[in-house]
Amino acid sequence: MAAGPRATADTAPAAGAGEVEGEHIKPFTPEKAKEIIMSLQQPAIFCNMAVDWPAQHWTAEHLSEVLHGKQIRFRMGMKRTDTAPQFETTCGYVEATLEEFLTWNCDQSPLSGPFRDYDHSKFWAYADYKYFVSLFDDKTDIFEGVIWSDFGFPGRNGRESTLWIGSMGAHTPCHLDSYGCNLVFQVQGRKRWHLFPPEDTPFLYPTRIPYEESSVFSKINVVNPDLKRFPRFCKARRHMVTLNPGQVLFVPRHWWHYVESIDPVTVSINSWIELEEDHQARVEEAITRILVCALKTAEDPHNTRAWLNPTEVEETSHEVNCRYLNRAVSALFDYYRTSKVVEIQALRTNREHMKKEGLNVHNHMEMEQTGGQDLSLGVVKQEAASLFGPDLVPVILTSEELPSKTGSIFEGDGKDFVGEDGEHSGKLHCTKRQRMMSKSEDAIVEQNASNSNMAPSQTLISTDDLLDCLLNPQVTRIVAQLLIQGRSLWF
């Protein structure tokens, strides 16, 4: 995908080999890399920035030796091709060592041990969200092998990172992260990333069930979508790329992503970079948590695991959640007080924003779907064009045909696809007529599809239906702005 290591223009050696006296020259200085990350509004791959990281050698086999038989938790999912997402609440879990995982992954289905109930031909395994601090608590020197300071974040290393180890087919459901932006270093194997811009949120059918802090899930299995139930997904703009070992993927704030392992073993390391916008996002998240926990607990007090992601281990009582909200609001105003410029600008923006949009969420969502977004994206692309080259590769719109329902979604050829006309011309088996339907026709189709696929007993509005509306990202943003605006009158 990219050329070999090269020096920066002002330090290029005469030989042009990308080395000066045996030292690798990074294509971007830490300051420039951070500037790119903080300004770029589309996903991109950094090449040749981590060639000297000790972490590049952290294969699953190597980590198995480092961990010396320490057990970790694997999420077990099925290799299937139906249209329903495999949320974590529907998966099985096993505690196993990396050595046991590698043995199982070699098609040596054990008769005993943690993987005995999982046929390798039918299941995948994923050790995800493994925080280095917990995993290597007795080997803290390993933190230094991840050098995020090369990207302009001094002192950030493995201590602020998570580890992901999976077998072929292991994946995360399509979701967006409420907080920060994301840097992902691919160590072993390849992963295919399906990304969608924030403006496409209405087309991804967001939901907060299952609930996980900072994760907004899509109801859609984006590699095998049910277009009868979710017809507006045809309008979503898929960006797809295969991340290879040694590369670092930058995922901007609020970009949707579905990630799947396409090699027998994959190892990745990521770190979420905090942003100023996270202060308000934490208030929105606290509001979300209160509503989800209150309504779902009232519906079924004894079955939290049906809607609460296994990663959520904190108490979910209303009292605790209210304290969480108050801490988030207090932290936001503490931030405002320490930065008066940010405070004034944020409050002014909130008030102006509220005047423009009021509480008309529908108009707000429709506005994001119009040509305005194309104009803003065009400006961003124009500004970023000069940055792109062999060492910074943009992730762009794809026109790749998705596999059919009878085909395998667990194999990949490592190729990246670019749409020549900027359209999803072949994607999702969507006809041109479907893509050009008016909004009213689209709404009718969606309503009819929903009605025709539901049994009479399913047409009643459920708690989840209500939460999908109340906790739509657009709605929680407005609620948080109203809350912040009211509290701002206190000082």
Protein backbone atom coordinates (compact mmCIF):
# COMPACT_ATOMS: atom_id res chain seq x y z
CA MET A 1 0.00 0.00 0.00
CA ALA A 2 2.86 2.36 0.80
CA ALA A 3 6.43 2.86 -0.23
CA GLY A 4 9.31 1.97 2.03
CA PRO A 5 10.67 4.23 4.78
CA ARG A 6 11.67 7.69 3.65
CA ALA A 7 13.20 10.75 5.24
CA THR A 8 11.53 14.11 5.51
CA ALA A 9 12.38 16.53 2.72
CA ASP A 10 14.75 18.68 4.75
CA THR A 11 16.70 15.74 6.22
CA ALA A 12 16.74 13.27 3.30
CA PRO A 13 20.07 11.44 3.00
CA ALA A 14 21.97 11.49 -0.23
CA ALA A 15 21.37 7.79 -0.76
CA GLY A 16 17.59 8.29 -0.44
CA ALA A 17 17.17 5.08 1.52
CA GLY A 18 15.26 6.61 4.42
CA GLU A 19 18.10 6.08 6.92
CA VAL A 20 20.69 8.43 8.34
CA GLU A 21 23.65 6.70 9.95
CA GLY A 22 21.54 3.62 10.55
CA GLU A 23 18.65 5.49 12.19
CA HIS A 24 15.14 5.34 10.79
CA ILE A 25 13.70 8.73 9.92
CA LYS A 26 9.97 8.99 10.55
CA PRO A 27 7.94 10.52 7.70
CA PHE A 28 6.26 12.90 10.18
CA THR A 29 7.59 14.61 13.26
CA PRO A 30 5.51 14.11 16.43
CA GLU A 31 4.26 17.69 16.12
CA LYS A 32 3.17 17.21 12.52
CA ALA A 33 1.54 13.85 13.23
CA LYS A 34 -0.49 15.39 16.08
CA GLU A 35 -1.48 18.32 13.87
CA ILE A 36 -2.79 15.85 11.28
CA ILE A 37 -4.71 13.85 13.89
CA MET A 38 -6.32 16.93 15.41
CA SER A 39 -7.36 18.43 12.08
CA LEU A 40 -8.08 15.51 9.74
CA GLN A 41 -11.76 14.60 9.57
CA GLN A 42 -11.54 11.38 7.59
CA PRO A 43 -9.88 8.04 8.42
CA ALA A 44 -6.31 7.58 7.24
CA ILE A 45 -3.46 5.10 7.57
CA PHE A 46 -0.03 6.15 8.81
CA CYS A 47 2.77 4.09 7.28
CA ASN A 48 6.38 3.81 8.41
CA MET A 49 5.72 5.45 11.79
CA ALA A 50 6.12 2.36 14.01
CA VAL A 51 8.90 0.36 12.35
CA ASP A 52 11.14 0.73 15.39
CA TRP A 53 8.49 -0.01 18.04
CA PRO A 54 9.27 -3.10 20.15
CA ALA A 55 5.52 -3.82 19.97
CA GLN A 56 5.82 -4.72 16.29
CA HIS A 57 7.16 -8.12 17.44
CA TRP A 58 4.29 -8.85 19.84
CA THR A 59 2.73 -11.75 18.01
CA ALA A 60 0.25 -13.97 19.83
CA GLU A 61 3.01 -16.59 20.22
CA HIS A 62 5.36 -14.04 21.78
CA LEU A 63 2.69 -12.69 24.14
CA SER A 64 1.86 -16.26 25.16
CA GLU A 65 5.41 -16.62 26.44
CA VAL A 66 5.36 -13.21 28.15
CA LEU A 67 2.12 -13.95 29.99
CA HIS A 68 3.38 -17.33 31.27
CA GLY A 69 0.04 -19.14 31.37
CA LYS A 70 -2.03 -16.19 32.60
CA GLN A 71 -5.70 -16.67 31.78
CA ILE A 72 -7.63 -14.06 29.85
CA ARG A 73 -11.25 -13.88 28.77
CA PHE A 74 -12.22 -14.76 25.19
CA ARG A 75 -15.52 -13.83 23.58
CA MET A 76 -16.86 -16.71 21.48
CA GLY A 77 -19.00 -15.93 18.45
CA MET A 78 -20.44 -18.02 15.65
CA LYS A 79 -19.18 -18.02 12.07
CA ARG A 80 -22.56 -17.29 10.54
CA THR A 81 -23.95 -15.16 7.76
CA ASP A 82 -27.38 -14.08 8.99
CA THR A 83 -28.51 -10.47 9.16
CA ALA A 84 -28.49 -9.97 12.94
CA PRO A 85 -25.45 -8.36 14.60
CA GLN A 86 -23.62 -10.54 17.10
CA PHE A 87 -23.70 -8.31 20.16
CA GLU A 88 -21.58 -9.25 23.14
CA THR A 89 -24.69 -10.10 25.14
CA THR A 90 -25.37 -13.01 22.75
CA CYS A 91 -21.85 -14.47 22.81
CA GLY A 92 -20.29 -17.13 25.01
CA TYR A 93 -17.17 -16.55 27.10
CA VAL A 94 -14.24 -18.70 28.19
CA GLU A 95 -11.23 -18.12 30.42
CA ALA A 96 -8.13 -19.50 28.74
CA THR A 97 -4.42 -18.94 28.19
CA LEU A 98 -3.02 -17.72 24.89
CA GLU A 99 -1.33 -21.08 24.50
CA GLU A 100 -4.71 -22.84 24.75
CA PHE A 101 -6.15 -20.36 22.26
CA LEU A 102 -3.36 -21.00 19.76
CA THR A 103 -3.76 -24.76 20.09
CA TRP A 104 -7.51 -24.52 19.50
CA ASN A 105 -6.96 -22.11 16.62
CA CYS A 106 -4.80 -24.68 14.82
CA ASP A 107 -7.95 -26.75 14.27
CA GLN A 108 -6.94 -29.04 17.11
CA SER A 109 -10.38 -29.19 18.69
CA PRO A 110 -9.68 -30.23 22.31
CA LEU A 111 -11.70 -32.89 24.08
CA SER A 112 -11.10 -31.06 27.34
CA GLY A 113 -10.15 -27.59 28.45
CA PRO A 114 -11.84 -24.19 28.07
CA PHE A 115 -12.56 -24.48 24.33
CA ARG A 116 -14.00 -28.02 24.43
CA ASP A 117 -17.54 -26.80 23.70
CA TYR A 118 -16.54 -24.67 20.71
CA ASP A 119 -15.90 -26.32 17.36
CA HIS A 120 -13.20 -24.28 15.62
CA SER A 121 -14.94 -24.67 12.28
CA LYS A 122 -18.07 -23.01 13.68
CA PHE A 123 -16.77 -20.44 16.17
CA TRP A 124 -14.32 -17.57 16.40
CA ALA A 125 -12.57 -16.30 19.55
CA TYR A 126 -11.75 -12.72 20.48
CA ALA A 127 -9.77 -11.41 23.45
CA ASP A 128 -10.76 -7.77 23.11
CA TYR A 129 -10.61 -4.62 25.24
CA LYS A 130 -7.70 -6.06 27.25
CA TYR A 131 -6.14 -3.13 29.09
CA PHE A 132 -2.36 -3.34 29.31
CA VAL A 133 -2.43 -2.04 32.88
CA SER A 134 -4.46 -5.07 34.01
CA LEU A 135 -2.92 -7.64 31.69
CA PHE A 136 0.73 -6.81 32.38
CA ASP A 137 0.43 -5.49 35.94
CA ASP A 138 3.59 -7.39 36.95
CA LYS A 139 5.55 -6.54 33.77
CA THR A 140 5.20 -2.77 33.53
CA ASP A 141 8.36 -2.42 31.43
CA ILE A 142 6.38 -3.77 28.49
CA PHE A 143 4.42 -0.50 28.38
CA GLU A 144 7.42 1.20 26.78
CA GLY A 145 7.07 -0.96 23.67
CA VAL A 146 4.15 1.17 22.44
CA ILE A 147 5.38 4.66 21.56
CA TRP A 148 2.37 6.89 20.97
CA SER A 149 4.69 9.85 21.66
CA ASP A 150 5.76 9.47 18.00
CA PHE A 151 2.29 10.81 17.18
CA GLY A 152 2.68 13.88 19.38
CA PHE A 153 1.38 12.57 22.70
CA PRO A 154 4.35 12.65 25.11
CA GLY A 155 4.32 9.98 27.78
CA ARG A 156 1.50 7.97 26.20
CA ASN A 157 2.44 4.32 25.80
CA GLY A 158 1.05 0.87 26.55
CA ARG A 159 -0.29 2.09 29.88
CA GLU A 160 -3.01 3.96 27.98
CA SER A 161 -3.61 1.18 25.46
CA THR A 162 -5.73 -1.92 24.95
CA LEU A 163 -4.86 -5.23 23.31
CA TRP A 164 -6.99 -7.21 20.83
CA ILE A 165 -6.25 -10.83 19.87
CA GLY A 166 -8.62 -12.76 17.62
CA SER A 167 -9.08 -15.66 15.24
CA MET A 168 -10.40 -15.45 11.71
CA GLY A 169 -13.95 -14.09 11.68
CA ALA A 170 -13.66 -12.38 15.08
CA HIS A 171 -15.27 -8.97 14.89
CA THR A 172 -16.84 -6.09 16.74
CA PRO A 173 -20.42 -5.04 15.84
CA CYS A 174 -20.74 -1.75 14.00
CA HIS A 175 -20.61 1.13 16.50
CA LEU A 176 -19.26 4.59 17.15
CA ASP A 177 -17.27 5.71 20.19
CA SER A 178 -18.71 8.65 22.09
CA TYR A 179 -15.32 9.80 23.37
CA GLY A 180 -12.15 10.82 21.61
CA CYS A 181 -10.53 9.66 18.41
CA ASN A 182 -8.76 6.35 17.89
CA LEU A 183 -5.27 5.22 16.90
CA VAL A 184 -4.90 1.52 16.04
CA PHE A 185 -1.56 -0.23 15.51
CA GLN A 186 -1.78 -3.54 13.63
CA VAL A 187 0.80 -6.02 14.90
CA GLN A 188 -0.09 -9.44 13.43
CA GLY A 189 -2.45 -10.50 10.65
CA ARG A 190 -4.87 -8.25 8.81
CA LYS A 191 -8.13 -6.65 9.78
CA ARG A 192 -10.78 -5.26 7.48
CA TRP A 193 -12.35 -2.00 8.61
CA HIS A 194 -15.79 -0.84 7.43
CA LEU A 195 -16.20 2.84 8.33
CA PHE A 196 -19.09 5.30 7.95
CA PRO A 197 -18.99 9.07 8.55
CA PRO A 198 -20.85 10.70 11.48
CA GLU A 199 -23.27 12.34 9.06
CA ASP A 200 -24.59 8.87 8.16
CA THR A 201 -25.79 8.18 11.69
CA PRO A 202 -29.50 8.25 10.72
CA PHE A 203 -28.78 5.54 8.11
CA LEU A 204 -27.07 3.26 10.67
CA TYR A 205 -30.15 2.94 12.94
CA PRO A 206 -28.35 3.72 16.23
CA THR A 207 -29.31 1.96 19.46
CA ARG A 208 -28.07 1.94 23.05
CA ILE A 209 -29.22 -1.61 23.68
CA PRO A 210 -27.05 -3.40 24.60
CA TYR A 211 -25.72 -0.60 26.79
CA GLU A 212 -22.00 0.02 27.02
CA GLU A 213 -20.56 3.31 28.13
CA SER A 214 -19.34 5.38 25.17
CA SER A 215 -20.48 2.84 22.53
CA VAL A 216 -23.44 3.60 20.26
CA PHE A 217 -24.27 0.42 18.37
CA SER A 218 -25.94 -0.02 15.00
CA LYS A 219 -28.89 -2.39 14.66
CA ILE A 220 -27.45 -3.48 11.31
CA ASN A 221 -25.08 -6.27 10.41
CA VAL A 222 -23.22 -4.11 7.90
CA VAL A 223 -21.62 -7.07 6.10
CA ASN A 224 -25.01 -8.69 5.52
CA PRO A 225 -27.71 -6.05 6.01
CA ASP A 226 -31.45 -6.62 6.11
CA LEU A 227 -32.51 -3.93 3.67
CA LYS A 228 -36.20 -4.70 4.04
CA ARG A 229 -36.04 -3.85 7.71
CA PHE A 230 -33.42 -1.09 7.38
CA PRO A 231 -33.88 0.43 3.90
CA ARG A 232 -32.17 3.73 4.67
CA PHE A 233 -28.86 1.90 5.07
CA CYS A 234 -28.62 2.03 1.26
CA LYS A 235 -27.69 5.68 1.65
CA ALA A 236 -24.76 5.04 4.00
CA ARG A 237 -21.32 5.80 2.57
CA ARG A 238 -19.06 2.87 3.33
CA HIS A 239 -15.32 3.43 3.53
CA MET A 240 -13.41 0.17 3.64
CA VAL A 241 -9.74 -0.63 4.07
CA THR A 242 -7.55 -3.58 5.03
CA LEU A 243 -5.12 -2.73 7.83
CA ASN A 244 -1.80 -4.56 7.48
CA PRO A 245 0.90 -5.26 10.10
CA GLY A 246 3.03 -2.22 10.86
CA GLN A 247 0.36 0.29 9.88
CA VAL A 248 -1.48 2.69 12.21
CA LEU A 249 -5.08 3.59 11.46
CA PHE A 250 -6.51 6.92 12.56
CA VAL A 251 -10.27 6.85 13.21
CA PRO A 252 -11.72 10.36 13.69
CA ARG A 253 -14.27 11.22 16.32
CA HIS A 254 -17.71 9.63 15.89
CA TRP A 255 -16.89 7.60 12.79
CA TRP A 256 -18.85 4.33 12.77
CA HIS A 257 -16.73 1.19 12.38
CA TYR A 258 -17.12 -2.56 12.02
CA VAL A 259 -13.85 -4.48 12.33
CA GLU A 260 -13.26 -8.09 11.29
CA SER A 261 -10.20 -10.35 11.43
CA ILE A 262 -9.42 -11.82 8.02
CA ASP A 263 -6.31 -13.84 8.93
CA PRO A 264 -6.00 -16.90 11.21
CA VAL A 265 -4.56 -14.82 14.07
CA THR A 266 -4.70 -11.04 14.49
CA VAL A 267 -3.13 -8.81 17.14
CA SER A 268 -3.89 -5.09 17.43
CA ILE A 269 -3.11 -2.32 19.91
CA ASN A 270 -5.16 0.82 20.20
CA SER A 271 -5.39 4.00 22.24
CA TRP A 272 -8.28 6.46 22.46
CA ILE A 273 -7.08 10.06 22.34
CA GLU A 274 -9.01 12.48 24.54
CA LEU A 275 -10.58 15.53 22.91
CA GLU A 276 -12.08 18.76 24.23
CA GLU A 277 -15.49 17.65 22.99
CA ASP A 278 -15.38 14.72 25.43
CA HIS A 279 -16.44 16.97 28.31
CA GLN A 280 -19.92 17.44 26.88
CA ALA A 281 -19.97 13.86 25.56
CA ARG A 282 -19.57 12.58 29.12
CA VAL A 283 -22.64 14.58 30.17
CA GLU A 284 -24.58 13.04 27.26
CA GLU A 285 -23.36 9.60 28.29
CA ALA A 286 -24.45 10.13 31.90
CA ILE A 287 -27.94 11.11 30.71
CA THR A 288 -28.02 8.00 28.55
CA ARG A 289 -26.97 5.74 31.40
CA ILE A 290 -29.65 7.08 33.74
CA LEU A 291 -32.44 6.52 31.22
CA VAL A 292 -31.29 3.09 30.04
CA CYS A 293 -30.77 1.73 33.55
CA ALA A 294 -34.00 3.22 34.91
CA LEU A 295 -36.28 1.93 32.16
CA LYS A 296 -34.64 -1.45 31.59
CA THR A 297 -34.36 -2.21 35.30
CA ALA A 298 -38.01 -1.29 35.79
CA GLU A 299 -38.93 -3.60 32.91
CA ASP A 300 -37.01 -6.58 34.30
CA PRO A 301 -35.14 -6.02 37.60
CA HIS A 302 -33.46 -9.44 37.59
CA ASN A 303 -32.10 -9.74 34.06
CA THR A 304 -29.58 -6.96 33.53
CA ARG A 305 -27.34 -9.17 31.39
CA ALA A 306 -29.97 -9.19 28.66
CA TRP A 307 -29.29 -5.50 27.95
CA LEU A 308 -26.08 -4.59 29.82
CA ASN A 309 -22.85 -5.36 27.98
CA PRO A 310 -20.53 -7.76 29.84
CA THR A 311 -17.88 -5.01 29.86
CA GLU A 312 -20.08 -2.94 32.19
CA VAL A 313 -19.31 -4.02 35.75
CA GLU A 314 -20.21 -0.87 37.70
CA GLU A 315 -23.36 -0.60 39.80
CA THR A 316 -26.38 0.61 37.83
CA SER A 317 -28.56 2.05 40.62
CA HIS A 318 -30.30 5.37 40.01
CA GLU A 319 -28.42 6.96 42.92
CA VAL A 320 -25.03 5.98 41.52
CA ASN A 321 -25.97 7.11 38.02
CA CYS A 322 -27.15 10.51 39.29
CA ARG A 323 -23.80 11.00 41.01
CA TYR A 324 -22.15 10.09 37.72
CA LEU A 325 -24.17 12.80 35.95
CA ASN A 326 -23.32 15.43 38.55
CA ARG A 327 -19.63 14.58 38.33
CA ALA A 328 -19.75 14.88 34.54
CA VAL A 329 -21.45 18.30 34.71
CA SER A 330 -19.03 19.51 37.40
CA ALA A 331 -16.05 18.35 35.35
CA LEU A 332 -17.41 20.19 32.33
CA PHE A 333 -17.70 23.48 34.22
CA ASP A 334 -14.32 23.01 35.85
CA TYR A 335 -12.95 22.76 32.34
CA TYR A 336 -14.78 25.94 31.34
CA ARG A 337 -13.39 27.82 34.34
CA THR A 338 -9.81 26.86 33.54
CA SER A 339 -10.21 28.01 29.95
CA LYS A 340 -12.33 31.13 29.73
CA VAL A 341 -12.04 31.32 25.98
CA VAL A 342 -13.36 27.81 25.60
CA GLU A 343 -16.09 28.55 28.15
CA ILE A 344 -17.39 31.62 26.37
CA GLN A 345 -17.22 30.04 22.94
CA ALA A 346 -18.90 26.83 24.08
CA LEU A 347 -21.78 28.58 25.85
CA ARG A 348 -22.30 30.95 22.95
CA THR A 349 -22.24 28.05 20.51
CA ASN A 350 -24.72 26.10 22.63
CA ARG A 351 -27.16 29.01 22.75
CA GLU A 352 -26.87 29.79 19.05
CA HIS A 353 -27.21 26.12 18.24
CA MET A 354 -30.34 25.82 20.34
CA LYS A 355 -31.90 28.88 18.67
CA LYS A 356 -31.31 27.38 15.24
CA GLU A 357 -32.52 23.87 15.92
CA GLY A 358 -34.88 24.22 18.88
CA LEU A 359 -36.21 20.77 19.63
CA ASN A 360 -36.98 19.80 16.05
CA VAL A 361 -34.84 16.69 15.89
CA HIS A 362 -36.27 15.58 12.56
CA ASN A 363 -35.21 18.79 10.82
CA HIS A 364 -31.83 18.55 12.47
CA MET A 365 -31.31 15.06 11.13
CA GLU A 366 -32.58 15.91 7.66
CA MET A 367 -30.27 18.92 7.51
CA GLU A 368 -27.28 16.65 8.10
CA GLN A 369 -28.32 14.49 5.15
CA THR A 370 -28.42 17.32 2.60
CA GLY A 371 -25.77 18.84 0.40
CA GLY A 372 -24.32 20.83 3.27
CA GLN A 373 -22.43 17.80 4.48
CA ASP A 374 -21.02 17.20 1.01
CA LEU A 375 -19.75 20.79 0.91
CA SER A 376 -18.03 20.52 4.29
CA LEU A 377 -16.53 17.15 3.41
CA GLY A 378 -15.29 18.62 0.13
CA VAL A 379 -13.47 21.40 1.96
CA VAL A 380 -11.87 18.93 4.35
CA LYS A 381 -10.75 16.68 1.49
CA GLN A 382 -9.29 19.65 -0.35
CA GLU A 383 -7.31 20.79 2.70
CA ALA A 384 -6.08 17.28 3.44
CA ALA A 385 -5.11 16.43 -0.13
CA SER A 386 -1.64 17.94 0.24
CA LEU A 387 -0.91 15.72 3.25
CA PHE A 388 -1.65 12.41 1.58
CA GLY A 389 1.07 10.34 -0.01
CA PRO A 390 2.92 7.06 0.51
CA ASP A 391 3.13 7.63 4.27
CA LEU A 392 -0.42 8.88 4.89
CA VAL A 393 -3.06 6.99 2.93
CA PRO A 394 -6.70 8.14 3.05
CA VAL A 395 -9.48 5.64 3.64
CA ILE A 396 -11.92 6.48 0.88
CA LEU A 397 -15.38 5.58 -0.33
CA THR A 398 -15.65 2.05 -1.66
CA SER A 399 -17.84 0.52 -4.34
CA GLU A 400 -17.01 -3.08 -3.45
CA GLU A 401 -19.74 -5.67 -3.80
CA LEU A 402 -20.57 -7.29 -0.49
CA PRO A 403 -20.55 -11.09 -0.39
CA SER A 404 -23.89 -12.73 -1.04
CA LYS A 405 -25.78 -14.35 1.81
CA THR A 406 -24.50 -17.75 0.75
CA GLY A 407 -20.89 -16.58 0.47
CA SER A 408 -18.29 -16.42 3.19
CA ILE A 409 -17.68 -13.17 5.02
CA PHE A 410 -14.63 -14.48 6.82
CA GLU A 411 -12.15 -14.45 3.98
CA GLY A 412 -10.36 -11.50 2.41
CA ASP A 413 -7.79 -10.82 -0.26
CA GLY A 414 -6.26 -7.78 1.40
CA LYS A 415 -7.20 -5.43 -1.45
CA ASP A 416 -8.60 -1.95 -0.99
CA PHE A 417 -11.42 -0.76 -3.24
CA VAL A 418 -12.07 2.74 -4.48
CA GLY A 419 -15.33 3.93 -6.02
CA GLU A 420 -14.70 5.71 -9.31
CA ASP A 421 -17.91 7.71 -9.28
CA GLY A 422 -18.13 8.35 -5.53
CA GLU A 423 -21.27 6.18 -5.32
CA HIS A 424 -22.03 2.80 -3.81
CA SER A 425 -22.79 1.61 -7.33
CA GLY A 426 -22.58 -2.11 -6.62
CA LYS A 427 -22.84 -2.19 -2.85
CA LEU A 428 -25.63 -3.87 -0.96
CA HIS A 429 -27.33 -4.99 -4.17
CA CYS A 430 -29.08 -1.59 -4.10
CA THR A 431 -30.62 -0.48 -7.39
CA LYS A 432 -30.24 3.05 -8.64
CA ARG A 433 -33.96 3.54 -8.23
CA GLN A 434 -33.70 2.63 -4.53
CA ARG A 435 -30.95 5.18 -4.01
CA MET A 436 -32.95 7.92 -5.76
CA MET A 437 -36.22 7.45 -3.90
CA SER A 438 -37.70 10.56 -2.35
CA LYS A 439 -37.76 10.90 1.42
CA SER A 440 -41.50 10.31 1.53
CA GLU A 441 -41.27 7.15 -0.57
CA ASP A 442 -38.38 5.96 1.57
CA ALA A 443 -40.37 6.49 4.76
CA ILE A 444 -43.35 4.58 3.34
CA VAL A 445 -41.16 1.66 2.30
CA GLU A 446 -39.53 1.55 5.72
CA GLN A 447 -42.87 1.65 7.51
CA ASN A 448 -44.44 -0.99 5.29
CA ALA A 449 -41.42 -3.25 5.65
CA SER A 450 -41.56 -2.96 9.40
CA ASN A 451 -45.27 -3.67 9.53
CA SER A 452 -45.17 -6.61 7.14
CA ASN A 453 -42.34 -8.32 9.01
CA MET A 454 -43.90 -8.10 12.44
CA ALA A 455 -46.37 -10.38 14.09
CA PRO A 456 -49.37 -8.62 15.71
CA SER A 457 -47.87 -9.08 19.17
CA GLN A 458 -44.67 -7.32 18.03
CA THR A 459 -46.33 -4.15 16.80
CA LEU A 460 -46.62 -2.82 20.37
CA ILE A 461 -44.02 -0.23 21.30
CA SER A 462 -41.36 -1.81 23.50
CA THR A 463 -39.03 -0.25 26.03
CA ASP A 464 -36.21 -0.63 23.52
CA ASP A 465 -38.24 1.20 20.87
CA LEU A 466 -38.76 4.10 23.27
CA LEU A 467 -35.09 4.18 24.23
CA ASP A 468 -34.03 4.20 20.57
CA CYS A 469 -35.94 7.48 20.21
CA LEU A 470 -35.08 9.06 23.55
CA LEU A 471 -31.41 8.19 23.26
CA ASN A 472 -30.81 8.94 19.62
CA PRO A 473 -27.43 10.73 19.58
CA GLN A 474 -29.13 13.87 18.24
CA VAL A 475 -31.60 13.92 21.12
CA THR A 476 -29.07 13.36 23.91
CA ARG A 477 -26.94 16.15 22.46
CA ILE A 478 -29.87 18.57 22.67
CA VAL A 479 -30.74 17.46 26.21
CA ALA A 480 -27.13 17.93 27.33
CA GLN A 481 -27.04 21.40 25.75
CA LEU A 482 -30.23 22.39 27.54
CA LEU A 483 -28.85 21.09 30.82
CA ILE A 484 -25.55 22.90 30.37
CA GLN A 485 -27.29 26.10 29.28
CA GLY A 486 -29.45 26.08 32.41
CA ARG A 487 -26.52 25.48 34.73
CA SER A 488 -24.42 28.18 33.02
CA LEU A 489 -26.76 30.83 34.46
CA TRP A 490 -25.30 30.06 37.88
CA PHE A 491 -22.01 31.82 37.16
